[in-house]
Structures are given as C-alpha cells and as structure tokens.
Amino acid sequence: MSLQLLIDEDSQAKPLVSLLRKSGHDVETANEAGLSGKEDFLVLDYARVKNRILLTQNCDDFEALHQANSEHPGILAVYQNNDRSKNMSRKELVKAIANIETAGITFANQFISLNQWNY
C-alpha cells in the first residue's frame, strides 16, 4: 500500500525520503511544502488539508496537538534515545511503517509510535 506522507522538518533527511519513495510512498517534505520554520500546528493543519500522514521526531509537541484535536490523517512519531545507538535506523523506520500496514492498522486520527513497530 502506498501512503501519502508529509515528512516533518526534523525527519526529512534525503536518504530516508529516498527509501520511503522507493517503498512506494507518496512523500512530501516540509521544505517542499514551504513549511520550513513554521509552527507545528501549521504543519499539522497542512497535513490535514492535503490528507497526508505526518512523520515526525517532534513527538511531545505533536502528541499535544493530537490530544487537542485528534482529527487528522495520522501522526507517525519516532522517539529518539539519548544513546544514539538505540535509535531506529532509516531502514527500520520504513520497515516499521510496512509492519503497521501489514497489520491493517488505521492511520486516521491516530498518534502512532513507530518505535513499537520495529521488529
């Protein structure tokens, strides 16, 4: 399945974007959307308007926005560890998304930690 993704400014590394596109996803980065430096609520509003699932490492701020208004196409959160060796690799992020798709999880209106799908 191909997802329509909006990649937040903190997550738009070219190798990750490339891997997601090679996996068949329709990817738009925050920079491509003209959202560089914009406040988080504007990024989420853009995702709503464009019906794109947001991928971010800014978990706390977007979880708060989700709690305030859970009507959105979905938020995929990637939690970071102080020990960088414990962080998910780009390939693991793509695999985690595939695992969620395989499980048939609905993305709409959900705040999903990709870390829990890393297997």
N, C-alpha and C. Protein backbone atom coordinates (compact mmCIF):
# COMPACT_ATOMS: atom_id res chain seq x y z
N MET A 1 0.85 -1.18 0.00
CA MET A 1 0.00 0.00 0.00
C MET A 1 0.90 1.24 0.00
N SER A 2 0.44 2.23 -0.69
CA SER A 2 1.20 3.48 -0.75
C SER A 2 0.53 4.50 0.16
N LEU A 3 1.32 5.09 1.03
CA LEU A 3 0.81 6.12 1.92
C LEU A 3 1.20 7.49 1.39
N GLN A 4 0.36 8.47 1.67
CA GLN A 4 0.69 9.86 1.39
C GLN A 4 1.27 10.42 2.68
N LEU A 5 2.55 10.74 2.65
CA LEU A 5 3.27 11.17 3.85
C LEU A 5 3.75 12.61 3.72
N LEU A 6 3.70 13.31 4.84
CA LEU A 6 4.35 14.61 4.99
C LEU A 6 5.46 14.40 6.00
N ILE A 7 6.69 14.68 5.61
CA ILE A 7 7.84 14.47 6.48
C ILE A 7 8.19 15.79 7.15
N ASP A 8 8.11 15.79 8.47
CA ASP A 8 8.40 17.00 9.25
C ASP A 8 9.85 17.42 9.05
N GLU A 9 10.10 18.67 9.33
CA GLU A 9 11.43 19.27 9.13
C GLU A 9 12.53 18.47 9.83
N ASP A 10 12.24 17.91 10.99
CA ASP A 10 13.25 17.19 11.77
C ASP A 10 13.56 15.80 11.23
N SER A 11 12.80 15.36 10.24
CA SER A 11 12.93 13.97 9.77
C SER A 11 13.18 13.86 8.27
N GLN A 12 13.40 14.96 7.60
CA GLN A 12 13.42 14.94 6.14
C GLN A 12 14.80 14.69 5.52
N ALA A 13 15.59 13.88 6.17
CA ALA A 13 16.89 13.51 5.60
C ALA A 13 16.69 12.85 4.24
N LYS A 14 17.48 13.25 3.28
CA LYS A 14 17.33 12.74 1.91
C LYS A 14 17.35 11.22 1.82
N PRO A 15 18.25 10.53 2.56
CA PRO A 15 18.24 9.06 2.47
C PRO A 15 16.92 8.44 2.94
N LEU A 16 16.30 9.00 3.98
CA LEU A 16 15.02 8.48 4.45
C LEU A 16 13.92 8.76 3.42
N VAL A 17 13.89 9.96 2.91
CA VAL A 17 12.89 10.31 1.90
C VAL A 17 13.04 9.39 0.70
N SER A 18 14.25 9.13 0.28
CA SER A 18 14.51 8.24 -0.85
C SER A 18 14.02 6.82 -0.56
N LEU A 19 14.32 6.30 0.63
CA LEU A 19 13.87 4.95 0.99
C LEU A 19 12.34 4.86 1.01
N LEU A 20 11.69 5.87 1.53
CA LEU A 20 10.23 5.87 1.58
C LEU A 20 9.65 5.90 0.17
N ARG A 21 10.23 6.70 -0.69
CA ARG A 21 9.75 6.77 -2.08
C ARG A 21 9.98 5.45 -2.81
N LYS A 22 11.14 4.85 -2.58
CA LYS A 22 11.44 3.54 -3.21
C LYS A 22 10.49 2.46 -2.71
N SER A 23 9.95 2.64 -1.51
CA SER A 23 8.98 1.69 -0.95
C SER A 23 7.58 1.95 -1.48
N GLY A 24 7.44 2.95 -2.33
CA GLY A 24 6.15 3.21 -2.99
C GLY A 24 5.30 4.28 -2.36
N HIS A 25 5.83 4.98 -1.36
CA HIS A 25 5.04 6.01 -0.70
C HIS A 25 5.14 7.34 -1.44
N ASP A 26 4.05 8.10 -1.39
CA ASP A 26 3.99 9.44 -1.95
C ASP A 26 4.47 10.38 -0.84
N VAL A 27 5.68 10.91 -0.98
CA VAL A 27 6.33 11.66 0.08
C VAL A 27 6.47 13.13 -0.31
N GLU A 28 6.07 13.98 0.62
CA GLU A 28 6.30 15.42 0.50
C GLU A 28 7.02 15.85 1.77
N THR A 29 8.10 16.60 1.63
CA THR A 29 8.83 17.07 2.80
C THR A 29 8.30 18.45 3.22
N ALA A 30 8.59 18.80 4.45
CA ALA A 30 8.20 20.13 4.95
C ALA A 30 8.81 21.22 4.07
N ASN A 31 10.06 21.04 3.66
CA ASN A 31 10.71 22.04 2.80
C ASN A 31 9.99 22.16 1.46
N GLU A 32 9.65 21.02 0.86
CA GLU A 32 8.94 21.04 -0.42
C GLU A 32 7.58 21.73 -0.30
N ALA A 33 6.96 21.62 0.87
CA ALA A 33 5.64 22.20 1.10
C ALA A 33 5.72 23.67 1.53
N GLY A 34 6.92 24.19 1.68
CA GLY A 34 7.08 25.57 2.12
C GLY A 34 6.81 25.76 3.61
N LEU A 35 7.03 24.70 4.38
CA LEU A 35 6.73 24.73 5.81
C LEU A 35 7.97 24.89 6.69
N SER A 36 9.11 25.11 6.09
CA SER A 36 10.35 25.25 6.85
C SER A 36 10.22 26.39 7.85
N GLY A 37 10.47 26.09 9.12
CA GLY A 37 10.42 27.09 10.17
C GLY A 37 9.03 27.43 10.66
N LYS A 38 8.01 26.80 10.10
CA LYS A 38 6.63 27.09 10.51
C LYS A 38 6.31 26.39 11.83
N GLU A 39 5.36 26.94 12.55
CA GLU A 39 4.94 26.35 13.82
C GLU A 39 4.27 25.00 13.58
N ASP A 40 4.37 24.14 14.60
CA ASP A 40 3.88 22.77 14.47
C ASP A 40 2.40 22.69 14.10
N PHE A 41 1.57 23.56 14.68
CA PHE A 41 0.14 23.48 14.37
C PHE A 41 -0.12 23.77 12.90
N LEU A 42 0.72 24.61 12.28
CA LEU A 42 0.57 24.89 10.85
C LEU A 42 0.98 23.68 10.01
N VAL A 43 2.00 22.97 10.45
CA VAL A 43 2.43 21.76 9.76
C VAL A 43 1.31 20.72 9.82
N LEU A 44 0.71 20.54 10.98
CA LEU A 44 -0.38 19.57 11.11
C LEU A 44 -1.61 20.01 10.32
N ASP A 45 -1.89 21.30 10.32
CA ASP A 45 -3.01 21.80 9.51
C ASP A 45 -2.78 21.51 8.03
N TYR A 46 -1.55 21.70 7.57
CA TYR A 46 -1.22 21.39 6.17
C TYR A 46 -1.46 19.90 5.89
N ALA A 47 -1.02 19.04 6.82
CA ALA A 47 -1.23 17.60 6.65
C ALA A 47 -2.73 17.29 6.56
N ARG A 48 -3.53 17.97 7.36
CA ARG A 48 -4.99 17.76 7.30
C ARG A 48 -5.53 18.15 5.93
N VAL A 49 -5.17 19.34 5.47
CA VAL A 49 -5.70 19.85 4.20
C VAL A 49 -5.28 18.96 3.04
N LYS A 50 -4.03 18.49 3.06
CA LYS A 50 -3.50 17.68 1.97
C LYS A 50 -3.74 16.18 2.18
N ASN A 51 -4.38 15.83 3.30
CA ASN A 51 -4.66 14.43 3.64
C ASN A 51 -3.39 13.57 3.63
N ARG A 52 -2.37 14.07 4.33
CA ARG A 52 -1.09 13.37 4.42
C ARG A 52 -0.81 12.98 5.87
N ILE A 53 -0.31 11.78 6.04
CA ILE A 53 0.11 11.30 7.35
C ILE A 53 1.44 11.97 7.68
N LEU A 54 1.54 12.52 8.87
CA LEU A 54 2.75 13.24 9.28
C LEU A 54 3.75 12.30 9.94
N LEU A 55 4.98 12.33 9.51
CA LEU A 55 6.09 11.59 10.12
C LEU A 55 6.99 12.60 10.81
N THR A 56 7.22 12.42 12.12
CA THR A 56 7.98 13.40 12.89
C THR A 56 8.78 12.75 14.00
N GLN A 57 9.84 13.46 14.41
CA GLN A 57 10.59 13.10 15.61
C GLN A 57 10.25 14.05 16.75
N ASN A 58 9.41 15.01 16.48
CA ASN A 58 8.98 16.00 17.46
C ASN A 58 7.75 15.45 18.19
N CYS A 59 7.95 14.40 18.93
CA CYS A 59 6.86 13.60 19.49
C CYS A 59 6.02 14.37 20.51
N ASP A 60 6.64 15.03 21.45
CA ASP A 60 5.89 15.69 22.52
C ASP A 60 4.96 16.77 21.99
N ASP A 61 5.47 17.61 21.12
CA ASP A 61 4.64 18.70 20.60
C ASP A 61 3.48 18.18 19.75
N PHE A 62 3.75 17.20 18.91
CA PHE A 62 2.67 16.70 18.06
C PHE A 62 1.70 15.81 18.83
N GLU A 63 2.16 15.17 19.90
CA GLU A 63 1.22 14.42 20.74
C GLU A 63 0.27 15.39 21.43
N ALA A 64 0.78 16.53 21.88
CA ALA A 64 -0.08 17.55 22.49
C ALA A 64 -1.10 18.08 21.48
N LEU A 65 -0.67 18.32 20.25
CA LEU A 65 -1.60 18.76 19.21
C LEU A 65 -2.65 17.69 18.92
N HIS A 66 -2.23 16.44 18.92
CA HIS A 66 -3.16 15.32 18.72
C HIS A 66 -4.19 15.27 19.85
N GLN A 67 -3.73 15.46 21.08
CA GLN A 67 -4.65 15.44 22.22
C GLN A 67 -5.67 16.58 22.13
N ALA A 68 -5.24 17.72 21.61
CA ALA A 68 -6.12 18.88 21.49
C ALA A 68 -7.15 18.70 20.36
N ASN A 69 -6.75 18.00 19.29
CA ASN A 69 -7.64 17.77 18.16
C ASN A 69 -7.14 16.54 17.41
N SER A 70 -7.82 15.43 17.62
CA SER A 70 -7.35 14.17 17.03
C SER A 70 -7.86 13.93 15.62
N GLU A 71 -8.49 14.93 15.02
CA GLU A 71 -8.95 14.77 13.64
C GLU A 71 -7.83 15.17 12.69
N HIS A 72 -7.16 14.16 12.16
CA HIS A 72 -6.06 14.35 11.20
C HIS A 72 -5.82 13.02 10.50
N PRO A 73 -5.06 13.01 9.42
CA PRO A 73 -4.81 11.77 8.68
C PRO A 73 -3.94 10.76 9.43
N GLY A 74 -3.29 11.19 10.50
CA GLY A 74 -2.43 10.31 11.29
C GLY A 74 -1.09 10.97 11.55
N ILE A 75 -0.51 10.60 12.70
CA ILE A 75 0.82 11.08 13.06
C ILE A 75 1.68 9.87 13.40
N LEU A 76 2.80 9.73 12.70
CA LEU A 76 3.77 8.68 12.98
C LEU A 76 4.94 9.33 13.72
N ALA A 77 5.12 8.93 14.97
CA ALA A 77 6.13 9.54 15.82
C ALA A 77 7.32 8.61 15.97
N VAL A 78 8.50 9.19 15.90
CA VAL A 78 9.75 8.44 16.08
C VAL A 78 10.46 9.00 17.30
N TYR A 79 10.43 8.24 18.38
CA TYR A 79 11.08 8.68 19.62
C TYR A 79 12.58 8.43 19.52
N GLN A 80 13.34 9.40 20.00
CA GLN A 80 14.79 9.33 19.98
C GLN A 80 15.31 9.05 21.38
N ASN A 81 16.39 8.29 21.46
CA ASN A 81 17.02 7.96 22.72
C ASN A 81 18.29 8.79 22.88
N ASN A 82 18.64 9.11 24.11
CA ASN A 82 19.89 9.84 24.34
C ASN A 82 21.09 9.03 23.86
N ASP A 83 20.98 7.72 23.92
CA ASP A 83 22.00 6.82 23.39
C ASP A 83 21.67 6.58 21.92
N ARG A 84 22.35 7.28 21.03
CA ARG A 84 22.03 7.23 19.59
C ARG A 84 22.06 5.83 19.01
N SER A 85 22.83 4.93 19.61
CA SER A 85 22.91 3.56 19.10
C SER A 85 21.58 2.83 19.26
N LYS A 86 20.70 3.34 20.11
CA LYS A 86 19.39 2.71 20.34
C LYS A 86 18.30 3.29 19.44
N ASN A 87 18.62 4.31 18.66
CA ASN A 87 17.64 4.91 17.77
C ASN A 87 17.39 4.02 16.55
N MET A 88 16.23 4.16 15.97
CA MET A 88 15.88 3.39 14.79
C MET A 88 16.66 3.90 13.58
N SER A 89 17.10 2.98 12.76
CA SER A 89 17.75 3.36 11.51
C SER A 89 16.67 3.76 10.49
N ARG A 90 17.09 4.34 9.41
CA ARG A 90 16.13 4.72 8.36
C ARG A 90 15.43 3.49 7.80
N LYS A 91 16.16 2.42 7.59
CA LYS A 91 15.55 1.18 7.09
C LYS A 91 14.55 0.62 8.09
N GLU A 92 14.86 0.74 9.38
CA GLU A 92 13.93 0.28 10.41
C GLU A 92 12.65 1.12 10.43
N LEU A 93 12.77 2.41 10.16
CA LEU A 93 11.58 3.27 10.08
C LEU A 93 10.66 2.82 8.95
N VAL A 94 11.25 2.56 7.79
CA VAL A 94 10.47 2.12 6.63
C VAL A 94 9.84 0.77 6.93
N LYS A 95 10.58 -0.13 7.56
CA LYS A 95 10.05 -1.45 7.92
C LYS A 95 8.92 -1.32 8.94
N ALA A 96 9.05 -0.43 9.90
CA ALA A 96 8.01 -0.24 10.91
C ALA A 96 6.70 0.22 10.25
N ILE A 97 6.81 1.12 9.27
CA ILE A 97 5.62 1.56 8.53
C ILE A 97 4.99 0.39 7.80
N ALA A 98 5.82 -0.44 7.17
CA ALA A 98 5.31 -1.62 6.48
C ALA A 98 4.63 -2.58 7.46
N ASN A 99 5.18 -2.72 8.65
CA ASN A 99 4.58 -3.59 9.67
C ASN A 99 3.20 -3.10 10.07
N ILE A 100 3.04 -1.79 10.20
CA ILE A 100 1.73 -1.21 10.54
C ILE A 100 0.74 -1.47 9.41
N GLU A 101 1.21 -1.26 8.18
CA GLU A 101 0.33 -1.51 7.03
C GLU A 101 -0.11 -2.97 6.98
N THR A 102 0.83 -3.89 7.20
CA THR A 102 0.54 -5.31 7.16
C THR A 102 -0.48 -5.70 8.24
N ALA A 103 -0.39 -5.04 9.39
CA ALA A 103 -1.31 -5.32 10.49
C ALA A 103 -2.70 -4.73 10.24
N GLY A 104 -2.83 -3.91 9.22
CA GLY A 104 -4.13 -3.34 8.88
C GLY A 104 -4.58 -2.24 9.83
N ILE A 105 -3.63 -1.59 10.48
CA ILE A 105 -3.95 -0.51 11.41
C ILE A 105 -4.42 0.72 10.64
N THR A 106 -5.45 1.35 11.12
CA THR A 106 -5.95 2.58 10.53
C THR A 106 -5.10 3.75 11.02
N PHE A 107 -4.65 4.57 10.11
CA PHE A 107 -3.80 5.70 10.45
C PHE A 107 -4.60 6.92 10.88
N ALA A 108 -5.75 7.12 10.27
CA ALA A 108 -6.54 8.33 10.51
C ALA A 108 -6.84 8.52 11.99
N ASN A 109 -6.60 9.73 12.44
CA ASN A 109 -6.90 10.15 13.82
C ASN A 109 -6.07 9.44 14.88
N GLN A 110 -4.96 8.82 14.48
CA GLN A 110 -4.12 8.07 15.40
C GLN A 110 -2.76 8.75 15.57
N PHE A 111 -2.24 8.66 16.78
CA PHE A 111 -0.86 9.04 17.08
C PHE A 111 -0.14 7.72 17.34
N ILE A 112 0.75 7.35 16.42
CA ILE A 112 1.38 6.02 16.47
C ILE A 112 2.89 6.17 16.63
N SER A 113 3.41 5.50 17.64
CA SER A 113 4.86 5.45 17.83
C SER A 113 5.43 4.36 16.93
N LEU A 114 6.28 4.76 15.99
CA LEU A 114 6.90 3.76 15.10
C LEU A 114 7.84 2.84 15.87
N ASN A 115 8.38 3.31 16.97
CA ASN A 115 9.32 2.51 17.76
C ASN A 115 8.70 1.18 18.19
N GLN A 116 7.41 1.18 18.45
CA GLN A 116 6.73 -0.03 18.90
C GLN A 116 6.51 -1.03 17.77
N TRP A 117 6.71 -0.60 16.55
CA TRP A 117 6.51 -1.45 15.38
C TRP A 117 7.84 -1.89 14.76
N ASN A 118 8.90 -1.70 15.47
CA ASN A 118 10.25 -2.03 14.99
C ASN A 118 10.58 -3.47 15.36
N TYR A 119 10.22 -4.39 14.50
CA TYR A 119 10.54 -5.81 14.72
C TYR A 119 10.83 -6.50 13.41
